[in-house]
Amino acid sequence: MEIVLTSTITCPHCEHQKIEQMPVDACQYFYKCEKCKTLLKPKSGDCCVFCSYGTVPCPPIQKDKNCSA
């Protein structure tokens, strides 16, 4: 299975969307929306902002590995 390395993050506050490159071997815990400047954190139970607000889960989750921030 091919690992997808880009995801479109949608800010839950202003709905701004941006395609971002995901780290290959780590999870990104924080993400600052470039439009409204809100600092996003993962939802409860998610390991990173890509799993919470992205169109594609982070690479470690795609690989069925535990994700640690």
PDB file of N, CA and C in Angstrom:
ATOM      1  N   MET A   1       0.832  -1.188   0.000  1.00  0.00           N
ATOM      2  CA  MET A   1       0.000   0.000   0.000  1.00  0.00           C
ATOM      3  C   MET A   1       0.877   1.252   0.000  1.00  0.00           C
ATOM      4  N   GLU A   2       0.574   2.169  -0.878  1.00  0.00           N
ATOM      5  CA  GLU A   2       1.342   3.402  -0.978  1.00  0.00           C
ATOM      6  C   GLU A   2       0.905   4.390   0.097  1.00  0.00           C
ATOM      7  N   ILE A   3       1.889   5.017   0.730  1.00  0.00           N
ATOM      8  CA  ILE A   3       1.616   5.997   1.776  1.00  0.00           C
ATOM      9  C   ILE A   3       1.412   7.372   1.130  1.00  0.00           C
ATOM     10  N   VAL A   4       0.305   8.015   1.467  1.00  0.00           N
ATOM     11  CA  VAL A   4       0.004   9.360   0.965  1.00  0.00           C
ATOM     12  C   VAL A   4       0.668  10.368   1.896  1.00  0.00           C
ATOM     13  N   LEU A   5       1.405  11.316   1.320  1.00  0.00           N
ATOM     14  CA  LEU A   5       2.172  12.258   2.133  1.00  0.00           C
ATOM     15  C   LEU A   5       1.598  13.674   2.168  1.00  0.00           C
ATOM     16  N   THR A   6       0.477  13.896   1.497  1.00  0.00           N
ATOM     17  CA  THR A   6      -0.166  15.209   1.559  1.00  0.00           C
ATOM     18  C   THR A   6      -1.599  15.057   2.057  1.00  0.00           C
ATOM     19  N   SER A   7      -2.061  16.079   2.739  1.00  0.00           N
ATOM     20  CA  SER A   7      -3.416  16.079   3.278  1.00  0.00           C
ATOM     21  C   SER A   7      -3.927  17.514   3.258  1.00  0.00           C
ATOM     22  N   THR A   8      -5.204  17.679   3.029  1.00  0.00           N
ATOM     23  CA  THR A   8      -5.806  19.009   3.078  1.00  0.00           C
ATOM     24  C   THR A   8      -6.385  19.221   4.470  1.00  0.00           C
ATOM     25  N   ILE A   9      -5.808  20.172   5.193  1.00  0.00           N
ATOM     26  CA  ILE A   9      -6.292  20.493   6.543  1.00  0.00           C
ATOM     27  C   ILE A   9      -7.375  21.564   6.426  1.00  0.00           C
ATOM     28  N   THR A  10      -8.478  21.354   7.138  1.00  0.00           N
ATOM     29  CA  THR A  10      -9.564  22.330   7.189  1.00  0.00           C
ATOM     30  C   THR A  10      -9.674  22.862   8.612  1.00  0.00           C
ATOM     31  N   CYS A  11      -9.531  24.162   8.764  1.00  0.00           N
ATOM     32  CA  CYS A  11      -9.656  24.789  10.082  1.00  0.00           C
ATOM     33  C   CYS A  11     -11.114  24.710  10.532  1.00  0.00           C
ATOM     34  N   PRO A  12     -11.374  24.183  11.726  1.00  0.00           N
ATOM     35  CA  PRO A  12     -12.752  24.088  12.206  1.00  0.00           C
ATOM     36  C   PRO A  12     -13.350  25.439  12.611  1.00  0.00           C
ATOM     37  N   HIS A  13     -12.509  26.449  12.734  1.00  0.00           N
ATOM     38  CA  HIS A  13     -12.984  27.765  13.161  1.00  0.00           C
ATOM     39  C   HIS A  13     -13.386  28.656  11.989  1.00  0.00           C
ATOM     40  N   CYS A  14     -12.550  28.707  10.950  1.00  0.00           N
ATOM     41  CA  CYS A  14     -12.840  29.600   9.818  1.00  0.00           C
ATOM     42  C   CYS A  14     -13.052  28.838   8.505  1.00  0.00           C
ATOM     43  N   GLU A  15     -12.870  27.527   8.533  1.00  0.00           N
ATOM     44  CA  GLU A  15     -13.049  26.636   7.383  1.00  0.00           C
ATOM     45  C   GLU A  15     -12.036  26.856   6.261  1.00  0.00           C
ATOM     46  N   HIS A  16     -10.940  27.559   6.564  1.00  0.00           N
ATOM     47  CA  HIS A  16      -9.858  27.718   5.590  1.00  0.00           C
ATOM     48  C   HIS A  16      -9.227  26.350   5.329  1.00  0.00           C
ATOM     49  N   GLN A  17      -8.915  26.070   4.078  1.00  0.00           N
ATOM     50  CA  GLN A  17      -8.302  24.798   3.713  1.00  0.00           C
ATOM     51  C   GLN A  17      -6.936  25.033   3.093  1.00  0.00           C
ATOM     52  N   LYS A  18      -6.001  24.127   3.405  1.00  0.00           N
ATOM     53  CA  LYS A  18      -4.672  24.208   2.817  1.00  0.00           C
ATOM     54  C   LYS A  18      -4.098  22.806   2.682  1.00  0.00           C
ATOM     55  N   ILE A  19      -3.482  22.546   1.537  1.00  0.00           N
ATOM     56  CA  ILE A  19      -2.798  21.271   1.326  1.00  0.00           C
ATOM     57  C   ILE A  19      -1.439  21.362   1.998  1.00  0.00           C
ATOM     58  N   GLU A  20      -1.140  20.393   2.855  1.00  0.00           N
ATOM     59  CA  GLU A  20       0.116  20.384   3.600  1.00  0.00           C
ATOM     60  C   GLU A  20       0.844  19.059   3.405  1.00  0.00           C
ATOM     61  N   GLN A  21       2.155  19.120   3.470  1.00  0.00           N
ATOM     62  CA  GLN A  21       3.003  17.933   3.444  1.00  0.00           C
ATOM     63  C   GLN A  21       3.066  17.388   4.870  1.00  0.00           C
ATOM     64  N   MET A  22       2.856  16.082   5.028  1.00  0.00           N
ATOM     65  CA  MET A  22       2.884  15.477   6.362  1.00  0.00           C
ATOM     66  C   MET A  22       4.271  14.917   6.658  1.00  0.00           C
ATOM     67  N   PRO A  23       4.706  14.985   7.922  1.00  0.00           N
ATOM     68  CA  PRO A  23       5.967  14.342   8.287  1.00  0.00           C
ATOM     69  C   PRO A  23       5.842  12.831   8.109  1.00  0.00           C
ATOM     70  N   VAL A  24       6.899  12.199   7.629  1.00  0.00           N
ATOM     71  CA  VAL A  24       6.850  10.772   7.298  1.00  0.00           C
ATOM     72  C   VAL A  24       6.877   9.889   8.540  1.00  0.00           C
ATOM     73  N   ASP A  25       7.682  10.257   9.532  1.00  0.00           N
ATOM     74  CA  ASP A  25       7.918   9.353  10.658  1.00  0.00           C
ATOM     75  C   ASP A  25       7.518   9.940  12.008  1.00  0.00           C
ATOM     76  N   ALA A  26       6.651  10.938  11.984  1.00  0.00           N
ATOM     77  CA  ALA A  26       6.223  11.565  13.238  1.00  0.00           C
ATOM     78  C   ALA A  26       4.822  12.132  13.051  1.00  0.00           C
ATOM     79  N   CYS A  27       4.219  12.506  14.160  1.00  0.00           N
ATOM     80  CA  CYS A  27       2.898  13.121  14.117  1.00  0.00           C
ATOM     81  C   CYS A  27       3.030  14.601  14.451  1.00  0.00           C
ATOM     82  N   GLN A  28       2.241  15.418  13.795  1.00  0.00           N
ATOM     83  CA  GLN A  28       2.266  16.854  14.040  1.00  0.00           C
ATOM     84  C   GLN A  28       1.147  17.189  15.016  1.00  0.00           C
ATOM     85  N   TYR A  29       1.534  17.609  16.212  1.00  0.00           N
ATOM     86  CA  TYR A  29       0.563  17.846  17.275  1.00  0.00           C
ATOM     87  C   TYR A  29      -0.099  19.221  17.165  1.00  0.00           C
ATOM     88  N   PHE A  30       0.626  20.216  16.664  1.00  0.00           N
ATOM     89  CA  PHE A  30       0.086  21.572  16.543  1.00  0.00           C
ATOM     90  C   PHE A  30       0.064  22.010  15.082  1.00  0.00           C
ATOM     91  N   TYR A  31      -0.909  22.848  14.751  1.00  0.00           N
ATOM     92  CA  TYR A  31      -0.981  23.440  13.415  1.00  0.00           C
ATOM     93  C   TYR A  31      -1.641  24.803  13.552  1.00  0.00           C
ATOM     94  N   LYS A  32      -0.991  25.846  13.041  1.00  0.00           N
ATOM     95  CA  LYS A  32      -1.544  27.197  13.120  1.00  0.00           C
ATOM     96  C   LYS A  32      -2.197  27.545  11.785  1.00  0.00           C
ATOM     97  N   CYS A  33      -3.486  27.844  11.831  1.00  0.00           N
ATOM     98  CA  CYS A  33      -4.214  28.233  10.628  1.00  0.00           C
ATOM     99  C   CYS A  33      -3.634  29.546  10.109  1.00  0.00           C
ATOM    100  N   GLU A  34      -3.276  29.556   8.827  1.00  0.00           N
ATOM    101  CA  GLU A  34      -2.667  30.768   8.272  1.00  0.00           C
ATOM    102  C   GLU A  34      -3.673  31.897   8.076  1.00  0.00           C
ATOM    103  N   LYS A  35      -4.960  31.591   8.087  1.00  0.00           N
ATOM    104  CA  LYS A  35      -5.976  32.634   7.889  1.00  0.00           C
ATOM    105  C   LYS A  35      -6.405  33.273   9.213  1.00  0.00           C
ATOM    106  N   CYS A  36      -6.890  32.456  10.167  1.00  0.00           N
ATOM    107  CA  CYS A  36      -7.410  33.021  11.422  1.00  0.00           C
ATOM    108  C   CYS A  36      -6.420  32.922  12.584  1.00  0.00           C
ATOM    109  N   LYS A  37      -5.287  32.258  12.337  1.00  0.00           N
ATOM    110  CA  LYS A  37      -4.194  32.133  13.328  1.00  0.00           C
ATOM    111  C   LYS A  37      -4.545  31.262  14.531  1.00  0.00           C
ATOM    112  N   THR A  38      -5.633  30.496  14.458  1.00  0.00           N
ATOM    113  CA  THR A  38      -5.995  29.579  15.540  1.00  0.00           C
ATOM    114  C   THR A  38      -4.992  28.435  15.586  1.00  0.00           C
ATOM    115  N   LEU A  39      -4.543  28.093  16.786  1.00  0.00           N
ATOM    116  CA  LEU A  39      -3.630  26.969  16.961  1.00  0.00           C
ATOM    117  C   LEU A  39      -4.458  25.703  17.158  1.00  0.00           C
ATOM    118  N   LEU A  40      -4.396  24.817  16.186  1.00  0.00           N
ATOM    119  CA  LEU A  40      -5.165  23.573  16.250  1.00  0.00           C
ATOM    120  C   LEU A  40      -4.383  22.503  16.980  1.00  0.00           C
ATOM    121  N   LYS A  41      -5.113  21.694  17.744  1.00  0.00           N
ATOM    122  CA  LYS A  41      -4.567  20.529  18.439  1.00  0.00           C
ATOM    123  C   LYS A  41      -5.441  19.339  18.066  1.00  0.00           C
ATOM    124  N   PRO A  42      -4.914  18.123  18.169  1.00  0.00           N
ATOM    125  CA  PRO A  42      -5.725  16.946  17.815  1.00  0.00           C
ATOM    126  C   PRO A  42      -6.965  16.824  18.691  1.00  0.00           C
ATOM    127  N   LYS A  43      -8.028  16.278  18.106  1.00  0.00           N
ATOM    128  CA  LYS A  43      -9.224  15.954  18.879  1.00  0.00           C
ATOM    129  C   LYS A  43      -8.903  14.795  19.809  1.00  0.00           C
ATOM    130  N   SER A  44      -9.677  14.653  20.866  1.00  0.00           N
ATOM    131  CA  SER A  44      -9.495  13.558  21.814  1.00  0.00           C
ATOM    132  C   SER A  44      -9.536  12.220  21.082  1.00  0.00           C
ATOM    133  N   GLY A  45      -8.526  11.397  21.305  1.00  0.00           N
ATOM    134  CA  GLY A  45      -8.460  10.088  20.666  1.00  0.00           C
ATOM    135  C   GLY A  45      -7.655  10.066  19.381  1.00  0.00           C
ATOM    136  N   ASP A  46      -7.341  11.241  18.832  1.00  0.00           N
ATOM    137  CA  ASP A  46      -6.513  11.321  17.628  1.00  0.00           C
ATOM    138  C   ASP A  46      -5.078  11.652  18.020  1.00  0.00           C
ATOM    139  N   CYS A  47      -4.138  11.216  17.190  1.00  0.00           N
ATOM    140  CA  CYS A  47      -2.729  11.420  17.526  1.00  0.00           C
ATOM    141  C   CYS A  47      -2.168  12.735  17.003  1.00  0.00           C
ATOM    142  N   CYS A  48      -2.814  13.304  15.985  1.00  0.00           N
ATOM    143  CA  CYS A  48      -2.240  14.510  15.394  1.00  0.00           C
ATOM    144  C   CYS A  48      -3.307  15.325  14.668  1.00  0.00           C
ATOM    145  N   VAL A  49      -2.919  16.514  14.219  1.00  0.00           N
ATOM    146  CA  VAL A  49      -3.860  17.400  13.541  1.00  0.00           C
ATOM    147  C   VAL A  49      -4.307  16.850  12.189  1.00  0.00           C
ATOM    148  N   PHE A  50      -3.470  16.063  11.533  1.00  0.00           N
ATOM    149  CA  PHE A  50      -3.872  15.487  10.245  1.00  0.00           C
ATOM    150  C   PHE A  50      -4.969  14.441  10.434  1.00  0.00           C
ATOM    151  N   CYS A  51      -4.887  13.677  11.509  1.00  0.00           N
ATOM    152  CA  CYS A  51      -5.930  12.681  11.787  1.00  0.00           C
ATOM    153  C   CYS A  51      -7.242  13.359  12.191  1.00  0.00           C
ATOM    154  N   SER A  52      -7.160  14.519  12.815  1.00  0.00           N
ATOM    155  CA  SER A  52      -8.365  15.231  13.256  1.00  0.00           C
ATOM    156  C   SER A  52      -8.982  16.119  12.180  1.00  0.00           C
ATOM    157  N   TYR A  53      -8.153  16.841  11.439  1.00  0.00           N
ATOM    158  CA  TYR A  53      -8.668  17.878  10.543  1.00  0.00           C
ATOM    159  C   TYR A  53      -8.273  17.697   9.079  1.00  0.00           C
ATOM    160  N   GLY A  54      -7.518  16.649   8.781  1.00  0.00           N
ATOM    161  CA  GLY A  54      -7.057  16.438   7.414  1.00  0.00           C
ATOM    162  C   GLY A  54      -7.922  15.473   6.632  1.00  0.00           C
ATOM    163  N   THR A  55      -7.719  15.470   5.326  1.00  0.00           N
ATOM    164  CA  THR A  55      -8.445  14.556   4.444  1.00  0.00           C
ATOM    165  C   THR A  55      -7.812  13.174   4.419  1.00  0.00           C
ATOM    166  N   VAL A  56      -6.551  13.085   4.878  1.00  0.00           N
ATOM    167  CA  VAL A  56      -5.813  11.823   4.899  1.00  0.00           C
ATOM    168  C   VAL A  56      -5.152  11.696   6.267  1.00  0.00           C
ATOM    169  N   PRO A  57      -5.228  10.522   6.919  1.00  0.00           N
ATOM    170  CA  PRO A  57      -4.536  10.355   8.201  1.00  0.00           C
ATOM    171  C   PRO A  57      -3.019  10.384   8.026  1.00  0.00           C
ATOM    172  N   CYS A  58      -2.309  10.621   9.110  1.00  0.00           N
ATOM    173  CA  CYS A  58      -0.853  10.729   9.059  1.00  0.00           C
ATOM    174  C   CYS A  58      -0.201   9.414   8.616  1.00  0.00           C
ATOM    175  N   PRO A  59       1.026   9.482   8.060  1.00  0.00           N
ATOM    176  CA  PRO A  59       1.710   8.276   7.586  1.00  0.00           C
ATOM    177  C   PRO A  59       1.851   7.160   8.623  1.00  0.00           C
ATOM    178  N   PRO A  60       2.194   7.453   9.904  1.00  0.00           N
ATOM    179  CA  PRO A  60       2.275   6.338  10.865  1.00  0.00           C
ATOM    180  C   PRO A  60       0.949   5.589  11.027  1.00  0.00           C
ATOM    181  N   ILE A  61      -0.167   6.286  11.000  1.00  0.00           N
ATOM    182  CA  ILE A  61      -1.477   5.631  11.089  1.00  0.00           C
ATOM    183  C   ILE A  61      -1.754   4.852   9.804  1.00  0.00           C
ATOM    184  N   GLN A  62      -1.375   5.425   8.658  1.00  0.00           N
ATOM    185  CA  GLN A  62      -1.543   4.709   7.394  1.00  0.00           C
ATOM    186  C   GLN A  62      -0.752   3.399   7.395  1.00  0.00           C
ATOM    187  N   LYS A  63       0.392   3.401   8.090  1.00  0.00           N
ATOM    188  CA  LYS A  63       1.238   2.206   8.170  1.00  0.00           C
ATOM    189  C   LYS A  63       0.808   1.272   9.295  1.00  0.00           C
ATOM    190  N   ASP A  64      -0.299   1.601   9.993  1.00  0.00           N
ATOM    191  CA  ASP A  64      -0.791   0.818  11.132  1.00  0.00           C
ATOM    192  C   ASP A  64       0.201   0.783  12.279  1.00  0.00           C
ATOM    193  N   LYS A  65       0.873   1.898  12.500  1.00  0.00           N
ATOM    194  CA  LYS A  65       1.794   2.007  13.624  1.00  0.00           C
ATOM    195  C   LYS A  65       1.207   2.974  14.638  1.00  0.00           C
ATOM    196  N   ASN A  66       1.674   2.861  15.864  1.00  0.00           N
ATOM    197  CA  ASN A  66       1.283   3.846  16.870  1.00  0.00           C
ATOM    198  C   ASN A  66       1.925   5.171  16.525  1.00  0.00           C
ATOM    199  N   CYS A  67       1.222   6.214  16.765  1.00  0.00           N
ATOM    200  CA  CYS A  67       1.704   7.550  16.454  1.00  0.00           C
ATOM    201  C   CYS A  67       2.005   8.266  17.759  1.00  0.00           C
ATOM    202  N   SER A  68       3.217   8.748  17.905  1.00  0.00           N
ATOM    203  CA  SER A  68       3.558   9.476  19.126  1.00  0.00           C
ATOM    204  C   SER A  68       4.026  10.869  18.768  1.00  0.00           C
ATOM    205  N   ALA A  69       3.466  11.831  19.449  1.00  0.00           N
ATOM    206  CA  ALA A  69       3.787  13.232  19.141  1.00  0.00           C
ATOM    207  C   ALA A  69       5.107  13.629  19.750  1.00  0.00           C
TER     208      ALA A  69
END
